[in-house]
PDB file of N, CA and C in Angstrom:
ATOM      1  N   UNK A   1      -3.651  12.216  14.430  1.00  0.00           N
ATOM      2  CA  UNK A   1      -2.543  12.969  14.972  1.00  0.00           C
ATOM      3  C   UNK A   1      -1.818  13.643  13.814  1.00  0.00           C
ATOM      4  N   UNK A   2      -1.391  14.829  14.031  1.00  0.00           N
ATOM      5  CA  UNK A   2      -0.704  15.559  12.977  1.00  0.00           C
ATOM      6  C   UNK A   2       0.734  15.861  13.380  1.00  0.00           C
ATOM      7  N   UNK A   3       1.551  16.132  12.376  1.00  0.00           N
ATOM      8  CA  UNK A   3       2.955  16.464  12.654  1.00  0.00           C
ATOM      9  C   UNK A   3       3.072  17.740  13.469  1.00  0.00           C
ATOM     10  N   UNK A   4       2.089  18.636  13.359  1.00  0.00           N
ATOM     11  CA  UNK A   4       2.157  19.880  14.124  1.00  0.00           C
ATOM     12  C   UNK A   4       2.114  19.613  15.622  1.00  0.00           C
ATOM     13  N   UNK A   5       1.541  18.478  16.028  1.00  0.00           N
ATOM     14  CA  UNK A   5       1.511  18.144  17.447  1.00  0.00           C
ATOM     15  C   UNK A   5       2.899  17.820  17.976  1.00  0.00           C
ATOM     16  N   UNK A   6       3.811  17.461  17.095  1.00  0.00           N
ATOM     17  CA  UNK A   6       5.167  17.136  17.521  1.00  0.00           C
ATOM     18  C   UNK A   6       5.920  18.374  17.999  1.00  0.00           C
ATOM     19  N   UNK A   7       5.461  19.553  17.599  1.00  0.00           N
ATOM     20  CA  UNK A   7       6.141  20.783  17.990  1.00  0.00           C
ATOM     21  C   UNK A   7       5.269  21.701  18.835  1.00  0.00           C
ATOM     22  N   UNK A   8       4.047  21.301  19.096  1.00  0.00           N
ATOM     23  CA  UNK A   8       3.132  22.119  19.887  1.00  0.00           C
ATOM     24  C   UNK A   8       3.478  21.974  21.369  1.00  0.00           C
ATOM     25  N   UNK A   9       3.906  23.055  22.035  1.00  0.00           N
ATOM     26  CA  UNK A   9       4.295  22.941  23.444  1.00  0.00           C
ATOM     27  C   UNK A   9       3.106  22.740  24.387  1.00  0.00           C
ATOM     28  N   UNK A  10       1.885  22.821  23.853  1.00  0.00           N
ATOM     29  CA  UNK A  10       0.704  22.694  24.695  1.00  0.00           C
ATOM     30  C   UNK A  10       0.069  21.311  24.662  1.00  0.00           C
ATOM     31  N   UNK A  11       0.747  20.318  24.114  1.00  0.00           N
ATOM     32  CA  UNK A  11       0.217  18.955  24.132  1.00  0.00           C
ATOM     33  C   UNK A  11       1.017  18.143  25.145  1.00  0.00           C
ATOM     34  N   UNK A  12       0.458  17.018  25.546  1.00  0.00           N
ATOM     35  CA  UNK A  12       1.175  16.182  26.509  1.00  0.00           C
ATOM     36  C   UNK A  12       2.410  15.579  25.839  1.00  0.00           C
ATOM     37  N   UNK A  13       3.399  15.236  26.634  1.00  0.00           N
ATOM     38  CA  UNK A  13       4.658  14.709  26.124  1.00  0.00           C
ATOM     39  C   UNK A  13       4.496  13.424  25.333  1.00  0.00           C
ATOM     40  N   UNK A  14       3.570  12.565  25.755  1.00  0.00           N
ATOM     41  CA  UNK A  14       3.353  11.304  25.044  1.00  0.00           C
ATOM     42  C   UNK A  14       2.846  11.599  23.631  1.00  0.00           C
ATOM     43  N   UNK A  15       1.922  12.537  23.519  1.00  0.00           N
ATOM     44  CA  UNK A  15       1.402  12.915  22.199  1.00  0.00           C
ATOM     45  C   UNK A  15       2.517  13.457  21.320  1.00  0.00           C
ATOM     46  N   UNK A  16       3.375  14.291  21.871  1.00  0.00           N
ATOM     47  CA  UNK A  16       4.488  14.855  21.105  1.00  0.00           C
ATOM     48  C   UNK A  16       5.453  13.765  20.658  1.00  0.00           C
ATOM     49  N   UNK A  17       5.701  12.780  21.512  1.00  0.00           N
ATOM     50  CA  UNK A  17       6.613  11.684  21.153  1.00  0.00           C
ATOM     51  C   UNK A  17       5.994  10.793  20.082  1.00  0.00           C
ATOM     52  N   UNK A  18       4.726  10.482  20.231  1.00  0.00           N
ATOM     53  CA  UNK A  18       4.058   9.607  19.266  1.00  0.00           C
ATOM     54  C   UNK A  18       3.914  10.295  17.915  1.00  0.00           C
ATOM     55  N   UNK A  19       3.758  11.606  17.913  1.00  0.00           N
ATOM     56  CA  UNK A  19       3.606  12.344  16.661  1.00  0.00           C
ATOM     57  C   UNK A  19       4.811  12.165  15.742  1.00  0.00           C
ATOM     58  N   UNK A  20       6.013  12.001  16.298  1.00  0.00           N
ATOM     59  CA  UNK A  20       7.198  11.863  15.446  1.00  0.00           C
ATOM     60  C   UNK A  20       7.364  10.454  14.896  1.00  0.00           C
ATOM     61  N   UNK A  21       6.600   9.493  15.402  1.00  0.00           N
ATOM     62  CA  UNK A  21       6.673   8.126  14.865  1.00  0.00           C
ATOM     63  C   UNK A  21       5.336   7.681  14.302  1.00  0.00           C
ATOM     64  N   UNK A  22       4.409   8.626  14.182  1.00  0.00           N
ATOM     65  CA  UNK A  22       3.098   8.318  13.645  1.00  0.00           C
ATOM     66  C   UNK A  22       3.219   7.927  12.174  1.00  0.00           C
ATOM     67  N   UNK A  23       2.444   6.973  11.771  1.00  0.00           N
ATOM     68  CA  UNK A  23       2.452   6.531  10.382  1.00  0.00           C
ATOM     69  C   UNK A  23       2.736   5.049  10.297  1.00  0.00           C
ATOM     70  N   UNK A  24       2.558   4.526   9.124  1.00  0.00           N
ATOM     71  CA  UNK A  24       2.667   3.085   8.912  1.00  0.00           C
ATOM     72  C   UNK A  24       4.094   2.547   9.017  1.00  0.00           C
ATOM     73  N   UNK A  25       5.099   3.341   8.640  1.00  0.00           N
ATOM     74  CA  UNK A  25       6.443   2.801   8.470  1.00  0.00           C
ATOM     75  C   UNK A  25       7.476   3.272   9.481  1.00  0.00           C
ATOM     76  N   UNK A  26       7.233   4.355  10.183  1.00  0.00           N
ATOM     77  CA  UNK A  26       8.294   4.940  11.008  1.00  0.00           C
ATOM     78  C   UNK A  26       8.749   4.033  12.142  1.00  0.00           C
ATOM     79  N   UNK A  27       7.844   3.329  12.792  1.00  0.00           N
ATOM     80  CA  UNK A  27       8.296   2.444  13.866  1.00  0.00           C
ATOM     81  C   UNK A  27       9.128   1.293  13.307  1.00  0.00           C
ATOM     82  N   UNK A  28       8.755   0.799  12.141  1.00  0.00           N
ATOM     83  CA  UNK A  28       9.553  -0.267  11.512  1.00  0.00           C
ATOM     84  C   UNK A  28      10.927   0.256  11.119  1.00  0.00           C
ATOM     85  N   UNK A  29      10.984   1.464  10.592  1.00  0.00           N
ATOM     86  CA  UNK A  29      12.275   2.063  10.241  1.00  0.00           C
ATOM     87  C   UNK A  29      13.130   2.276  11.483  1.00  0.00           C
ATOM     88  N   UNK A  30      12.509   2.749  12.549  1.00  0.00           N
ATOM     89  CA  UNK A  30      13.219   2.946  13.810  1.00  0.00           C
ATOM     90  C   UNK A  30      13.806   1.617  14.290  1.00  0.00           C
ATOM     91  N   UNK A  31      13.010   0.562  14.215  1.00  0.00           N
ATOM     92  CA  UNK A  31      13.440  -0.768  14.647  1.00  0.00           C
ATOM     93  C   UNK A  31      14.617  -1.274  13.805  1.00  0.00           C
ATOM     94  N   UNK A  32      14.537  -1.110  12.488  1.00  0.00           N
ATOM     95  CA  UNK A  32      15.626  -1.571  11.620  1.00  0.00           C
ATOM     96  C   UNK A  32      16.903  -0.764  11.849  1.00  0.00           C
ATOM     97  N   UNK A  33      16.752   0.536  12.029  1.00  0.00           N
ATOM     98  CA  UNK A  33      17.931   1.381  12.233  1.00  0.00           C
ATOM     99  C   UNK A  33      18.536   1.189  13.619  1.00  0.00           C
ATOM    100  N   UNK A  34      17.738   0.682  14.540  1.00  0.00           N
ATOM    101  CA  UNK A  34      18.271   0.383  15.871  1.00  0.00           C
ATOM    102  C   UNK A  34      19.331  -0.713  15.785  1.00  0.00           C
ATOM    103  N   UNK A  35      19.139  -1.647  14.883  1.00  0.00           N
ATOM    104  CA  UNK A  35      20.076  -2.760  14.732  1.00  0.00           C
ATOM    105  C   UNK A  35      21.402  -2.299  14.135  1.00  0.00           C
ATOM    106  N   UNK A  36      21.338  -1.429  13.122  1.00  0.00           N
ATOM    107  CA  UNK A  36      22.560  -0.959  12.475  1.00  0.00           C
ATOM    108  C   UNK A  36      22.212   0.129  11.463  1.00  0.00           C
ATOM    109  N   UNK A  37      23.212   0.953  11.102  1.00  0.00           N
ATOM    110  CA  UNK A  37      22.976   1.926  10.028  1.00  0.00           C
ATOM    111  C   UNK A  37      22.597   1.187   8.745  1.00  0.00           C
ATOM    112  N   UNK A  38      21.758   1.826   7.939  1.00  0.00           N
ATOM    113  CA  UNK A  38      21.245   1.165   6.737  1.00  0.00           C
ATOM    114  C   UNK A  38      21.231   2.137   5.569  1.00  0.00           C
ATOM    115  N   UNK A  39      21.407   1.594   4.373  1.00  0.00           N
ATOM    116  CA  UNK A  39      21.210   2.361   3.151  1.00  0.00           C
ATOM    117  C   UNK A  39      19.725   2.289   2.794  1.00  0.00           C
ATOM    118  N   UNK A  40      19.208   3.295   2.081  1.00  0.00           N
ATOM    119  CA  UNK A  40      17.787   3.279   1.735  1.00  0.00           C
ATOM    120  C   UNK A  40      17.344   2.017   0.995  1.00  0.00           C
ATOM    121  N   UNK A  41      18.153   1.529   0.075  1.00  0.00           N
ATOM    122  CA  UNK A  41      17.784   0.319  -0.672  1.00  0.00           C
ATOM    123  C   UNK A  41      17.658  -0.889   0.260  1.00  0.00           C
ATOM    124  N   UNK A  42      18.505  -0.961   1.289  1.00  0.00           N
ATOM    125  CA  UNK A  42      18.418  -2.060   2.261  1.00  0.00           C
ATOM    126  C   UNK A  42      17.112  -1.977   3.043  1.00  0.00           C
ATOM    127  N   UNK A  43      16.752  -0.746   3.423  1.00  0.00           N
ATOM    128  CA  UNK A  43      15.502  -0.558   4.162  1.00  0.00           C
ATOM    129  C   UNK A  43      14.308  -0.978   3.312  1.00  0.00           C
ATOM    130  N   UNK A  44      14.300  -0.601   2.053  1.00  0.00           N
ATOM    131  CA  UNK A  44      13.188  -0.984   1.157  1.00  0.00           C
ATOM    132  C   UNK A  44      13.112  -2.487   0.986  1.00  0.00           C
ATOM    133  N   UNK A  45      14.254  -3.152   0.859  1.00  0.00           N
ATOM    134  CA  UNK A  45      14.255  -4.615   0.710  1.00  0.00           C
ATOM    135  C   UNK A  45      13.678  -5.297   1.942  1.00  0.00           C
ATOM    136  N   UNK A  46      13.949  -4.731   3.095  1.00  0.00           N
ATOM    137  CA  UNK A  46      13.516  -5.357   4.347  1.00  0.00           C
ATOM    138  C   UNK A  46      12.073  -5.013   4.707  1.00  0.00           C
ATOM    139  N   UNK A  47      11.487  -4.050   3.995  1.00  0.00           N
ATOM    140  CA  UNK A  47      10.107  -3.649   4.256  1.00  0.00           C
ATOM    141  C   UNK A  47       9.299  -3.718   2.960  1.00  0.00           C
ATOM    142  N   UNK A  48       8.885  -4.924   2.567  1.00  0.00           N
ATOM    143  CA  UNK A  48       8.107  -5.059   1.331  1.00  0.00           C
ATOM    144  C   UNK A  48       6.844  -4.197   1.394  1.00  0.00           C
ATOM    145  N   UNK A  49       6.536  -3.551   0.294  1.00  0.00           N
ATOM    146  CA  UNK A  49       5.363  -2.690   0.232  1.00  0.00           C
ATOM    147  C   UNK A  49       5.672  -1.229   0.476  1.00  0.00           C
ATOM    148  N   UNK A  50       6.875  -0.926   0.921  1.00  0.00           N
ATOM    149  CA  UNK A  50       7.280   0.449   1.165  1.00  0.00           C
ATOM    150  C   UNK A  50       7.830   1.035  -0.133  1.00  0.00           C
ATOM    151  N   UNK A  51       7.177   2.057  -0.641  1.00  0.00           N
ATOM    152  CA  UNK A  51       7.636   2.672  -1.891  1.00  0.00           C
ATOM    153  C   UNK A  51       8.820   3.593  -1.624  1.00  0.00           C
ATOM    154  N   UNK A  52       9.572   3.871  -2.667  1.00  0.00           N
ATOM    155  CA  UNK A  52      10.726   4.759  -2.537  1.00  0.00           C
ATOM    156  C   UNK A  52      10.287   6.151  -2.107  1.00  0.00           C
ATOM    157  N   UNK A  53       9.167   6.626  -2.650  1.00  0.00           N
ATOM    158  CA  UNK A  53       8.662   7.957  -2.309  1.00  0.00           C
ATOM    159  C   UNK A  53       8.305   8.046  -0.823  1.00  0.00           C
ATOM    160  N   UNK A  54       7.585   7.056  -0.331  1.00  0.00           N
ATOM    161  CA  UNK A  54       7.174   7.072   1.079  1.00  0.00           C
ATOM    162  C   UNK A  54       8.381   6.899   1.994  1.00  0.00           C
ATOM    163  N   UNK A  55       9.328   6.052   1.603  1.00  0.00           N
ATOM    164  CA  UNK A  55      10.554   5.880   2.386  1.00  0.00           C
ATOM    165  C   UNK A  55      11.301   7.208   2.487  1.00  0.00           C
ATOM    166  N   UNK A  56      11.467   7.880   1.369  1.00  0.00           N
ATOM    167  CA  UNK A  56      12.176   9.157   1.365  1.00  0.00           C
ATOM    168  C   UNK A  56      11.467  10.170   2.260  1.00  0.00           C
ATOM    169  N   UNK A  57      10.152  10.240   2.156  1.00  0.00           N
ATOM    170  CA  UNK A  57       9.384  11.183   2.970  1.00  0.00           C
ATOM    171  C   UNK A  57       9.528  10.864   4.454  1.00  0.00           C
ATOM    172  N   UNK A  58       9.396   9.590   4.808  1.00  0.00           N
ATOM    173  CA  UNK A  58       9.497   9.194   6.217  1.00  0.00           C
ATOM    174  C   UNK A  58      10.887   9.487   6.772  1.00  0.00           C
ATOM    175  N   UNK A  59      11.927   9.150   6.017  1.00  0.00           N
ATOM    176  CA  UNK A  59      13.291   9.403   6.486  1.00  0.00           C
ATOM    177  C   UNK A  59      13.567  10.899   6.615  1.00  0.00           C
ATOM    178  N   UNK A  60      13.049  11.695   5.695  1.00  0.00           N
ATOM    179  CA  UNK A  60      13.237  13.155   5.796  1.00  0.00           C
ATOM    180  C   UNK A  60      12.553  13.702   7.045  1.00  0.00           C
ATOM    181  N   UNK A  61      11.327  13.224   7.306  1.00  0.00           N
ATOM    182  CA  UNK A  61      10.617  13.667   8.505  1.00  0.00           C
ATOM    183  C   UNK A  61      11.349  13.224   9.761  1.00  0.00           C
ATOM    184  N   UNK A  62      11.837  11.994   9.767  1.00  0.00           N
ATOM    185  CA  UNK A  62      12.563  11.489  10.931  1.00  0.00           C
ATOM    186  C   UNK A  62      13.872  12.258  11.137  1.00  0.00           C
ATOM    187  N   UNK A  63      14.511  12.642  10.039  1.00  0.00           N
ATOM    188  CA  UNK A  63      15.730  13.459  10.141  1.00  0.00           C
ATOM    189  C   UNK A  63      15.387  14.846  10.685  1.00  0.00           C
ATOM    190  N   UNK A  64      14.316  15.420  10.174  1.00  0.00           N
ATOM    191  CA  UNK A  64      13.876  16.741  10.631  1.00  0.00           C
ATOM    192  C   UNK A  64      13.511  16.725  12.124  1.00  0.00           C
ATOM    193  N   UNK A  65      12.969  15.605  12.588  1.00  0.00           N
ATOM    194  CA  UNK A  65      12.578  15.466  13.995  1.00  0.00           C
ATOM    195  C   UNK A  65      13.744  15.043  14.887  1.00  0.00           C
ATOM    196  N   UNK A  66      14.924  14.866  14.299  1.00  0.00           N
ATOM    197  CA  UNK A  66      16.107  14.543  15.087  1.00  0.00           C
ATOM    198  C   UNK A  66      16.250  13.080  15.451  1.00  0.00           C
ATOM    199  N   UNK A  67      15.513  12.194  14.785  1.00  0.00           N
ATOM    200  CA  UNK A  67      15.585  10.766  15.097  1.00  0.00           C
ATOM    201  C   UNK A  67      16.690  10.045  14.337  1.00  0.00           C
ATOM    202  N   UNK A  68      16.935  10.478  13.103  1.00  0.00           N
ATOM    203  CA  UNK A  68      17.942   9.805  12.283  1.00  0.00           C
ATOM    204  C   UNK A  68      18.953  10.814  11.758  1.00  0.00           C
ATOM    205  N   UNK A  69      20.129  10.286  11.459  1.00  0.00           N
ATOM    206  CA  UNK A  69      21.210  11.059  10.863  1.00  0.00           C
ATOM    207  C   UNK A  69      21.418  10.527   9.451  1.00  0.00           C
ATOM    208  N   UNK A  70      21.518  11.430   8.497  1.00  0.00           N
ATOM    209  CA  UNK A  70      21.747  11.071   7.096  1.00  0.00           C
ATOM    210  C   UNK A  70      23.184  11.426   6.757  1.00  0.00           C
ATOM    211  N   UNK A  71      23.924  10.440   6.313  1.00  0.00           N
ATOM    212  CA  UNK A  71      25.318  10.664   5.933  1.00  0.00           C
ATOM    213  C   UNK A  71      25.494  10.302   4.468  1.00  0.00           C
ATOM    214  N   UNK A  72      25.979  11.261   3.689  1.00  0.00           N
ATOM    215  CA  UNK A  72      26.218  11.041   2.270  1.00  0.00           C
ATOM    216  C   UNK A  72      27.713  10.915   2.058  1.00  0.00           C
ATOM    217  N   UNK A  73      28.132   9.770   1.515  1.00  0.00           N
ATOM    218  CA  UNK A  73      29.545   9.525   1.224  1.00  0.00           C
ATOM    219  C   UNK A  73      29.836  10.015  -0.183  1.00  0.00           C
ATOM    220  N   UNK A  74      30.909  10.744  -0.341  1.00  0.00           N
ATOM    221  CA  UNK A  74      31.264  11.354  -1.621  1.00  0.00           C
ATOM    222  C   UNK A  74      31.980  10.349  -2.516  1.00  0.00           C
ATOM    223  N   UNK A  75      31.218   9.383  -2.998  1.00  0.00           N
ATOM    224  CA  UNK A  75      31.722   8.401  -3.953  1.00  0.00           C
ATOM    225  C   UNK A  75      30.718   8.343  -5.100  1.00  0.00           C
ATOM    226  N   UNK A  76      31.126   7.787  -6.208  1.00  0.00           N
ATOM    227  CA  UNK A  76      30.197   7.629  -7.331  1.00  0.00           C
ATOM    228  C   UNK A  76      29.843   6.170  -7.488  1.00  0.00           C
ATOM    229  N   UNK A  77      28.590   5.823  -7.524  1.00  0.00           N
ATOM    230  CA  UNK A  77      27.449   6.693  -7.249  1.00  0.00           C
ATOM    231  C   UNK A  77      27.409   7.070  -5.771  1.00  0.00           C
ATOM    232  N   UNK A  78      26.689   8.162  -5.469  1.00  0.00           N
ATOM    233  CA  UNK A  78      26.593   8.620  -4.081  1.00  0.00           C
ATOM    234  C   UNK A  78      26.061   7.511  -3.189  1.00  0.00           C
ATOM    235  N   UNK A  79      26.629   7.419  -2.026  1.00  0.00           N
ATOM    236  CA  UNK A  79      26.215   6.405  -1.057  1.00  0.00           C
ATOM    237  C   UNK A  79      25.632   7.133   0.158  1.00  0.00           C
ATOM    238  N   UNK A  80      24.358   6.869   0.448  1.00  0.00           N
ATOM    239  CA  UNK A  80      23.690   7.487   1.585  1.00  0.00           C
ATOM    240  C   UNK A  80      23.418   6.429   2.636  1.00  0.00           C
ATOM    241  N   UNK A  81      23.730   6.750   3.879  1.00  0.00           N
ATOM    242  CA  UNK A  81      23.516   5.823   4.990  1.00  0.00           C
ATOM    243  C   UNK A  81      22.744   6.560   6.079  1.00  0.00           C
ATOM    244  N   UNK A  82      21.731   5.896   6.615  1.00  0.00           N
ATOM    245  CA  UNK A  82      20.948   6.454   7.715  1.00  0.00           C
ATOM    246  C   UNK A  82      21.256   5.680   8.987  1.00  0.00           C
ATOM    247  N   UNK A  83      21.333   6.420  10.089  1.00  0.00           N
ATOM    248  CA  UNK A  83      21.559   5.808  11.398  1.00  0.00           C
ATOM    249  C   UNK A  83      20.736   6.575  12.427  1.00  0.00           C
ATOM    250  N   UNK A  84      20.540   5.957  13.576  1.00  0.00           N
ATOM    251  CA  UNK A  84      19.816   6.626  14.646  1.00  0.00           C
ATOM    252  C   UNK A  84      20.705   7.656  15.326  1.00  0.00           C
ATOM    253  N   UNK A  85      20.123   8.761  15.690  1.00  0.00           N
ATOM    254  CA  UNK A  85      20.810   9.746  16.524  1.00  0.00           C
ATOM    255  C   UNK A  85      20.673   9.279  17.981  1.00  0.00           C
ATOM    256  N   UNK A  86      21.327   9.959  18.885  1.00  0.00           N
ATOM    257  CA  UNK A  86      21.150   9.625  20.307  1.00  0.00           C
ATOM    258  C   UNK A  86      19.688   9.777  20.714  1.00  0.00           C
ATOM    259  N   UNK A  87      19.032  10.820  20.200  1.00  0.00           N
ATOM    260  CA  UNK A  87      17.617  11.023  20.505  1.00  0.00           C
ATOM    261  C   UNK A  87      16.768   9.882  19.950  1.00  0.00           C
ATOM    262  N   UNK A  88      17.072   9.454  18.727  1.00  0.00           N
ATOM    263  CA  UNK A  88      16.349   8.333  18.127  1.00  0.00           C
ATOM    264  C   UNK A  88      16.542   7.054  18.923  1.00  0.00           C
ATOM    265  N   UNK A  89      17.759   6.841  19.406  1.00  0.00           N
ATOM    266  CA  UNK A  89      18.044   5.648  20.213  1.00  0.00           C
ATOM    267  C   UNK A  89      17.296   5.712  21.550  1.00  0.00           C
ATOM    268  N   UNK A  90      17.238   6.910  22.145  1.00  0.00           N
ATOM    269  CA  UNK A  90      16.500   7.065  23.411  1.00  0.00           C
ATOM    270  C   UNK A  90      15.015   6.781  23.198  1.00  0.00           C
ATOM    271  N   UNK A  91      14.458   7.268  22.079  1.00  0.00           N
ATOM    272  CA  UNK A  91      13.051   6.995  21.784  1.00  0.00           C
ATOM    273  C   UNK A  91      12.843   5.506  21.559  1.00  0.00           C
ATOM    274  N   UNK A  92      13.741   4.888  20.835  1.00  0.00           N
ATOM    275  CA  UNK A  92      13.644   3.450  20.589  1.00  0.00           C
ATOM    276  C   UNK A  92      13.701   2.664  21.902  1.00  0.00           C
ATOM    277  N   UNK A  93      14.609   3.059  22.793  1.00  0.00           N
ATOM    278  CA  UNK A  93      14.710   2.406  24.102  1.00  0.00           C
ATOM    279  C   UNK A  93      13.420   2.600  24.904  1.00  0.00           C
ATOM    280  N   UNK A  94      12.845   3.797  24.829  1.00  0.00           N
ATOM    281  CA  UNK A  94      11.607   4.078  25.564  1.00  0.00           C
ATOM    282  C   UNK A  94      10.444   3.258  25.013  1.00  0.00           C
ATOM    283  N   UNK A  95      10.482   2.937  23.723  1.00  0.00           N
ATOM    284  CA  UNK A  95       9.405   2.156  23.113  1.00  0.00           C
ATOM    285  C   UNK A  95       9.548   0.661  23.385  1.00  0.00           C
ATOM    286  N   UNK A  96      10.689   0.232  23.924  1.00  0.00           N
ATOM    287  CA  UNK A  96      10.890  -1.190  24.220  1.00  0.00           C
ATOM    288  C   UNK A  96       9.793  -1.784  25.085  1.00  0.00           C
ATOM    289  N   UNK A  97       9.456  -1.173  26.227  1.00  0.00           N
ATOM    290  CA  UNK A  97       8.369  -1.718  27.050  1.00  0.00           C
ATOM    291  C   UNK A  97       7.014  -1.700  26.342  1.00  0.00           C
ATOM    292  N   UNK A  98       6.782  -0.715  25.483  1.00  0.00           N
ATOM    293  CA  UNK A  98       5.533  -0.681  24.713  1.00  0.00           C
ATOM    294  C   UNK A  98       5.506  -1.864  23.747  1.00  0.00           C
ATOM    295  N   UNK A  99       6.643  -2.155  23.139  1.00  0.00           N
ATOM    296  CA  UNK A  99       6.754  -3.314  22.256  1.00  0.00           C
ATOM    297  C   UNK A  99       6.485  -4.605  23.021  1.00  0.00           C
ATOM    298  N   UNK A 100       7.034  -4.706  24.225  1.00  0.00           N
ATOM    299  CA  UNK A 100       6.794  -5.895  25.047  1.00  0.00           C
ATOM    300  C   UNK A 100       5.306  -6.075  25.325  1.00  0.00           C
ATOM    301  N   UNK A 101       4.612  -4.976  25.649  1.00  0.00           N
ATOM    302  CA  UNK A 101       3.171  -5.049  25.881  1.00  0.00           C
ATOM    303  C   UNK A 101       2.434  -5.474  24.622  1.00  0.00           C
ATOM    304  N   UNK A 102       2.872  -4.973  23.479  1.00  0.00           N
ATOM    305  CA  UNK A 102       2.256  -5.361  22.210  1.00  0.00           C
ATOM    306  C   UNK A 102       2.419  -6.845  21.935  1.00  0.00           C
ATOM    307  N   UNK A 103       3.609  -7.382  22.177  1.00  0.00           N
ATOM    308  CA  UNK A 103       3.831  -8.822  21.975  1.00  0.00           C
ATOM    309  C   UNK A 103       3.005  -9.641  22.961  1.00  0.00           C
ATOM    310  N   UNK A 104       2.899  -9.167  24.194  1.00  0.00           N
ATOM    311  CA  UNK A 104       2.074  -9.850  25.197  1.00  0.00           C
ATOM    312  C   UNK A 104       0.618  -9.892  24.734  1.00  0.00           C
ATOM    313  N   UNK A 105       0.136  -8.778  24.197  1.00  0.00           N
ATOM    314  CA  UNK A 105      -1.238  -8.721  23.691  1.00  0.00           C
ATOM    315  C   UNK A 105      -1.436  -9.701  22.534  1.00  0.00           C
ATOM    316  N   UNK A 106      -0.483  -9.728  21.603  1.00  0.00           N
ATOM    317  CA  UNK A 106      -0.585 -10.645  20.472  1.00  0.00           C
ATOM    318  C   UNK A 106      -0.564 -12.099  20.920  1.00  0.00           C
ATOM    319  N   UNK A 107       0.288 -12.423  21.891  1.00  0.00           N
ATOM    320  CA  UNK A 107       0.332 -13.783  22.429  1.00  0.00           C
ATOM    321  C   UNK A 107      -1.000 -14.163  23.068  1.00  0.00           C
ATOM    322  N   UNK A 108      -1.576 -13.218  23.825  1.00  0.00           N
ATOM    323  CA  UNK A 108      -2.852 -13.471  24.487  1.00  0.00           C
ATOM    324  C   UNK A 108      -3.964 -13.673  23.453  1.00  0.00           C
ATOM    325  N   UNK A 109      -3.962 -12.850  22.399  1.00  0.00           N
ATOM    326  CA  UNK A 109      -4.972 -12.990  21.353  1.00  0.00           C
ATOM    327  C   UNK A 109      -4.842 -14.336  20.635  1.00  0.00           C
ATOM    328  N   UNK A 110      -3.618 -14.764  20.379  1.00  0.00           N
ATOM    329  CA  UNK A 110      -3.391 -16.054  19.734  1.00  0.00           C
ATOM    330  C   UNK A 110      -3.888 -17.184  20.615  1.00  0.00           C
ATOM    331  N   UNK A 111      -3.592 -17.092  21.917  1.00  0.00           N
ATOM    332  CA  UNK A 111      -4.046 -18.120  22.854  1.00  0.00           C
ATOM    333  C   UNK A 111      -5.573 -18.134  22.940  1.00  0.00           C
ATOM    334  N   UNK A 112      -6.198 -16.968  22.942  1.00  0.00           N
ATOM    335  CA  UNK A 112      -7.662 -16.894  22.999  1.00  0.00           C
ATOM    336  C   UNK A 112      -8.276 -17.521  21.756  1.00  0.00           C
ATOM    337  N   UNK A 113      -7.697 -17.249  20.597  1.00  0.00           N
ATOM    338  CA  UNK A 113      -8.204 -17.809  19.341  1.00  0.00           C
ATOM    339  C   UNK A 113      -8.061 -19.317  19.308  1.00  0.00           C
ATOM    340  N   UNK A 114      -7.025 -19.817  19.974  1.00  0.00           N
ATOM    341  CA  UNK A 114      -6.809 -21.269  20.025  1.00  0.00           C
ATOM    342  C   UNK A 114      -7.648 -21.901  21.128  1.00  0.00           C
ATOM    343  N   UNK A 115      -8.384 -21.070  21.876  1.00  0.00           N
ATOM    344  CA  UNK A 115      -9.241 -21.598  22.937  1.00  0.00           C
ATOM    345  C   UNK A 115      -8.489 -22.016  24.182  1.00  0.00           C
ATOM    346  N   UNK A 116      -7.273 -21.507  24.364  1.00  0.00           N
ATOM    347  CA  UNK A 116      -6.457 -21.905  25.501  1.00  0.00           C
ATOM    348  C   UNK A 116      -6.742 -21.084  26.747  1.00  0.00           C
ATOM    349  N   UNK A 117      -7.247 -19.876  26.597  1.00  0.00           N
ATOM    350  CA  UNK A 117      -7.538 -19.041  27.756  1.00  0.00           C
ATOM    351  C   UNK A 117      -8.851 -18.322  27.517  1.00  0.00           C
ATOM    352  N   UNK A 118      -9.452 -17.860  28.584  1.00  0.00           N
ATOM    353  CA  UNK A 118     -10.679 -17.078  28.497  1.00  0.00           C
ATOM    354  C   UNK A 118     -10.353 -15.678  27.987  1.00  0.00           C
ATOM    355  N   UNK A 119     -11.227 -15.096  27.167  1.00  0.00           N
ATOM    356  CA  UNK A 119     -10.997 -13.707  26.724  1.00  0.00           C
ATOM    357  C   UNK A 119     -10.913 -12.771  27.917  1.00  0.00           C
ATOM    358  N   UNK A 120     -10.104 -11.742  27.788  1.00  0.00           N
ATOM    359  CA  UNK A 120      -9.944 -10.798  28.897  1.00  0.00           C
ATOM    360  C   UNK A 120     -11.201  -9.946  29.026  1.00  0.00           C
ATOM    361  N   UNK A 121     -11.433  -9.452  30.243  1.00  0.00           N
ATOM    362  CA  UNK A 121     -12.633  -8.660  30.516  1.00  0.00           C
ATOM    363  C   UNK A 121     -12.480  -7.234  30.038  1.00  0.00           C
ATOM    364  N   UNK A 122     -11.258  -6.800  29.734  1.00  0.00           N
ATOM    365  CA  UNK A 122     -11.068  -5.398  29.342  1.00  0.00           C
ATOM    366  C   UNK A 122     -11.347  -5.143  27.902  1.00  0.00           C
TER     367      UNK A 122
END
């Protein structure tokens, strides 16, 4: 999936929505920002393995897509805080049932590995 699909009016709505959260870190960032506004350093601490470069790129893309708001406080050193926009919160709310399905799948896989249930036919 490419970022161009996020703005292509000829793709299905689900594809356009997923295009703005595509990638390794954006859903995790969305989840963390859903809880509260965060500074970039806080986000990096909470997501081990996320480099500063990739964090900056992801947040810029999310800001460009209208998911997050970047607020720079005029203090020294500069203080930047990211928060979800109303659109970002709506997307996060819409992903809640998808998250529930994902947890259900993980629970089922764990139970299957433990031999507690038969593997699903699908």
